[in-house]
Every structure is written in structure tokens, then in C-alpha cells.
Amino acid sequence: MKRKLNLYSAGLLFLGFVFFSTSCNDDDIIETAWNIENFTVEASQWSWNPANRRWEAVRELDYIDEFIYEKGSVIGYVFLGEQNKDEVQTQLPYIKSYILDDGSKFTETISYEYSYLTNKVKFYIEPSDGIQDAAARQRYDFRIAMIW
């Protein structure tokens, strides 16, 4: 029995070595790369889109390409608060609910969409009630992180 156990252990050790030595080669190693782009949208730069019933601002997204679009990851963030005081960075979409003086409620969504075909990113502020409220147009700082 002792001899069978040693042969079995040697076989497992050999198979483990073969598996380990053939499972990784230089072709399998892919380095991760990233690009981060920052954007500021001033309050006056938001435009109302009546078809989508939301405020929109379009910016060039220089680094996006088909490979990043298909195989990478694009993550959007918005900065809230005052820099070096109470600022936080939160991932988009950012959703906030409001209660108005008359007791009615609505939700505001700040988010983004992008296209590698146009190399553009569109940031938007979308109210759940679809009302064109000019007070929603505020200065926002955004960050787009592309990882591939």
C-alpha cells in the first residue's frame, strides 16, 4: 500500500507540474492600461433636450476606441461638494430624490452615455417628472476612467 501511495503522489505531482508549466505563457499575459479624462460642465453649458426631457452637455472623449468599447470598461464619476472641503467622488449614475414645498416628490438622475463612433461623451441631468427646471443646471465636474 505504501508503494501505491508513493506512485500516486508522484503522478499527481507530475501532473501538477505539467499543468502549471503549460498554463501560462507570454501570450497569455496582458498588461492593463487606463486613461482618465476630466470634464467640467458649467451651469450655462447645459442644453435642454425636449425629446429626452433632460439637460445635456456633450464633450469630446478623445481616447475611446472600438477595443475599449468592446473589451474594456468605461466608468463615469461626478464630484459633489466643494474641493478640499467636503468633496466626494461618486460613481454615475447619481440619483437623488427631492421633496418640494408643495409635498410633491421627484428624482433627479445625473449620468452619461458615450460612443466610440463619434468619440463623444454626453452627460445629462434627467428629472423624473420631465419638467424643464433651470435650477437643475449647475456646475459639475466629471471624470471618465477607461480601463482595458
Protein backbone atom coordinates (compact mmCIF):
# COMPACT_ATOMS: atom_id res chain seq x y z
CA MET A 1 0.00 0.00 0.00
CA LYS A 2 2.84 2.37 0.78
CA ARG A 3 4.24 1.88 -2.74
CA LYS A 4 0.88 2.65 -4.42
CA LEU A 5 0.57 5.85 -2.39
CA ASN A 6 4.05 7.00 -3.44
CA LEU A 7 3.31 6.29 -7.13
CA TYR A 8 0.00 8.08 -6.81
CA SER A 9 1.66 11.09 -5.14
CA ALA A 10 4.39 11.18 -7.76
CA GLY A 11 1.79 11.06 -10.53
CA LEU A 12 -0.18 13.91 -9.01
CA LEU A 13 3.00 15.92 -8.53
CA PHE A 14 3.98 15.32 -12.17
CA LEU A 15 0.52 16.29 -13.47
CA GLY A 16 0.54 19.41 -11.31
CA PHE A 17 3.93 20.40 -12.69
CA VAL A 18 2.79 19.82 -16.29
CA PHE A 19 -0.39 21.81 -15.74
CA PHE A 20 1.47 24.69 -14.09
CA SER A 21 4.23 24.86 -16.69
CA THR A 22 1.83 24.86 -19.67
CA SER A 23 -0.96 27.03 -18.28
CA CYS A 24 0.86 30.35 -18.57
CA ASN A 25 2.95 31.62 -21.40
CA ASP A 26 3.94 35.07 -22.59
CA ASP A 27 0.97 35.21 -24.99
CA ASP A 28 -1.47 34.92 -22.06
CA ILE A 29 -0.05 37.89 -20.15
CA ILE A 30 -1.93 41.06 -20.98
CA GLU A 31 -0.98 44.30 -19.30
CA THR A 32 -3.76 46.52 -18.07
CA ALA A 33 -3.86 50.09 -19.34
CA TRP A 34 -6.06 53.04 -18.48
CA ASN A 35 -6.85 56.60 -19.40
CA ILE A 36 -8.64 59.14 -17.25
CA GLU A 37 -10.30 62.25 -18.67
CA ASN A 38 -11.77 65.06 -16.56
CA PHE A 39 -14.59 67.34 -17.70
CA THR A 40 -16.25 70.44 -16.29
CA VAL A 41 -19.74 71.44 -17.35
CA GLU A 42 -20.68 74.95 -16.31
CA ALA A 43 -24.31 75.76 -15.45
CA SER A 44 -24.69 77.76 -18.65
CA GLN A 45 -23.43 74.87 -20.82
CA TRP A 46 -26.40 72.56 -20.23
CA SER A 47 -28.93 72.38 -23.10
CA TRP A 48 -32.49 71.12 -22.75
CA ASN A 49 -33.30 68.14 -24.98
CA PRO A 50 -37.12 68.16 -25.39
CA ALA A 51 -37.19 64.68 -26.96
CA ASN A 52 -35.44 63.07 -23.97
CA ARG A 53 -36.79 65.64 -21.47
CA ARG A 54 -33.40 66.21 -19.86
CA TRP A 55 -30.46 68.62 -19.67
CA GLU A 56 -27.45 67.52 -21.75
CA ALA A 57 -23.84 68.56 -22.31
CA VAL A 58 -21.60 66.89 -24.91
CA ARG A 59 -17.80 66.68 -24.74
CA GLU A 60 -15.05 65.08 -26.82
CA LEU A 61 -13.89 61.73 -25.44
CA ASP A 62 -10.54 61.56 -27.21
CA TYR A 63 -9.23 58.17 -26.13
CA ILE A 64 -12.23 55.91 -26.66
CA ASP A 65 -11.96 53.37 -29.46
CA GLU A 66 -13.69 50.16 -30.54
CA PHE A 67 -11.36 47.94 -28.49
CA ILE A 68 -12.08 49.82 -25.25
CA TYR A 69 -15.79 49.90 -26.09
CA GLU A 70 -15.97 46.15 -26.77
CA LYS A 71 -13.35 44.68 -24.40
CA GLY A 72 -12.63 47.37 -21.82
CA SER A 73 -14.53 49.22 -19.19
CA VAL A 74 -15.66 52.85 -19.10
CA ILE A 75 -16.66 54.20 -15.70
CA GLY A 76 -18.08 57.67 -15.05
CA TYR A 77 -17.88 59.69 -11.85
CA VAL A 78 -19.20 63.03 -10.64
CA PHE A 79 -17.63 65.18 -7.93
CA LEU A 80 -20.04 66.55 -5.33
CA GLY A 81 -19.34 69.19 -2.72
CA GLU A 82 -16.52 71.71 -2.52
CA GLN A 83 -12.95 70.71 -3.40
CA ASN A 84 -10.60 70.40 -0.39
CA LYS A 85 -13.55 70.83 1.95
CA ASP A 86 -16.34 68.27 1.71
CA GLU A 87 -15.88 66.93 -1.82
CA VAL A 88 -16.73 63.34 -2.63
CA GLN A 89 -16.43 61.39 -5.87
CA THR A 90 -19.36 59.13 -6.66
CA GLN A 91 -19.91 56.70 -9.49
CA LEU A 92 -22.53 57.52 -12.10
CA PRO A 93 -25.45 57.31 -12.27
CA TYR A 94 -26.01 59.57 -9.28
CA ILE A 95 -29.65 59.54 -8.20
CA LYS A 96 -31.12 62.00 -5.72
CA SER A 97 -34.72 62.39 -4.56
CA TYR A 98 -36.30 65.72 -3.67
CA ILE A 99 -39.45 66.76 -1.83
CA LEU A 100 -40.80 70.11 -2.97
CA ASP A 101 -42.56 72.73 -0.85
CA ASP A 102 -45.96 71.51 -2.09
CA GLY A 103 -45.15 67.96 -0.91
CA SER A 104 -44.59 66.53 -4.38
CA LYS A 105 -41.58 64.32 -4.99
CA PHE A 106 -39.26 63.79 -7.89
CA THR A 107 -35.94 62.12 -8.58
CA GLU A 108 -33.03 63.58 -10.48
CA THR A 109 -30.54 61.31 -12.26
CA ILE A 110 -27.11 62.53 -13.30
CA SER A 111 -25.46 60.11 -15.70
CA TYR A 112 -23.65 59.74 -19.01
CA GLU A 113 -23.53 57.84 -22.28
CA TYR A 114 -20.72 57.60 -24.79
CA SER A 115 -19.93 56.44 -28.31
CA TYR A 116 -16.66 55.35 -29.86
CA LEU A 117 -18.16 56.11 -33.28
CA THR A 118 -18.34 59.84 -32.50
CA ASN A 119 -15.66 59.98 -29.77
CA LYS A 120 -18.10 61.87 -27.58
CA VAL A 121 -19.50 61.58 -24.10
CA LYS A 122 -22.90 63.05 -23.23
CA PHE A 123 -23.54 63.98 -19.61
CA TYR A 124 -27.14 64.51 -18.61
CA ILE A 125 -29.39 65.60 -15.78
CA GLU A 126 -32.74 63.86 -16.06
CA PRO A 127 -35.69 64.77 -13.82
CA SER A 128 -38.23 62.03 -13.20
CA ASP A 129 -41.10 64.45 -13.71
CA GLY A 130 -39.70 65.64 -17.06
CA ILE A 131 -40.07 69.30 -16.09
CA GLN A 132 -37.51 71.71 -17.52
CA ASP A 133 -36.23 73.21 -14.28
CA ALA A 134 -33.42 75.70 -14.94
CA ALA A 135 -32.27 75.35 -11.32
CA ALA A 136 -31.06 71.83 -12.13
CA ARG A 137 -28.36 73.34 -14.35
CA GLN A 138 -25.38 73.52 -12.04
CA ARG A 139 -21.63 73.31 -12.48
CA TYR A 140 -20.46 69.72 -12.30
CA ASP A 141 -17.02 68.15 -12.56
CA PHE A 142 -16.96 64.69 -14.12
CA ARG A 143 -14.32 62.01 -14.56
CA ILE A 144 -14.32 59.23 -17.14
CA ALA A 145 -11.98 56.31 -16.47
CA MET A 146 -11.28 53.88 -19.32
CA ILE A 147 -9.64 50.58 -18.45
CA TRP A 148 -8.55 47.91 -20.91
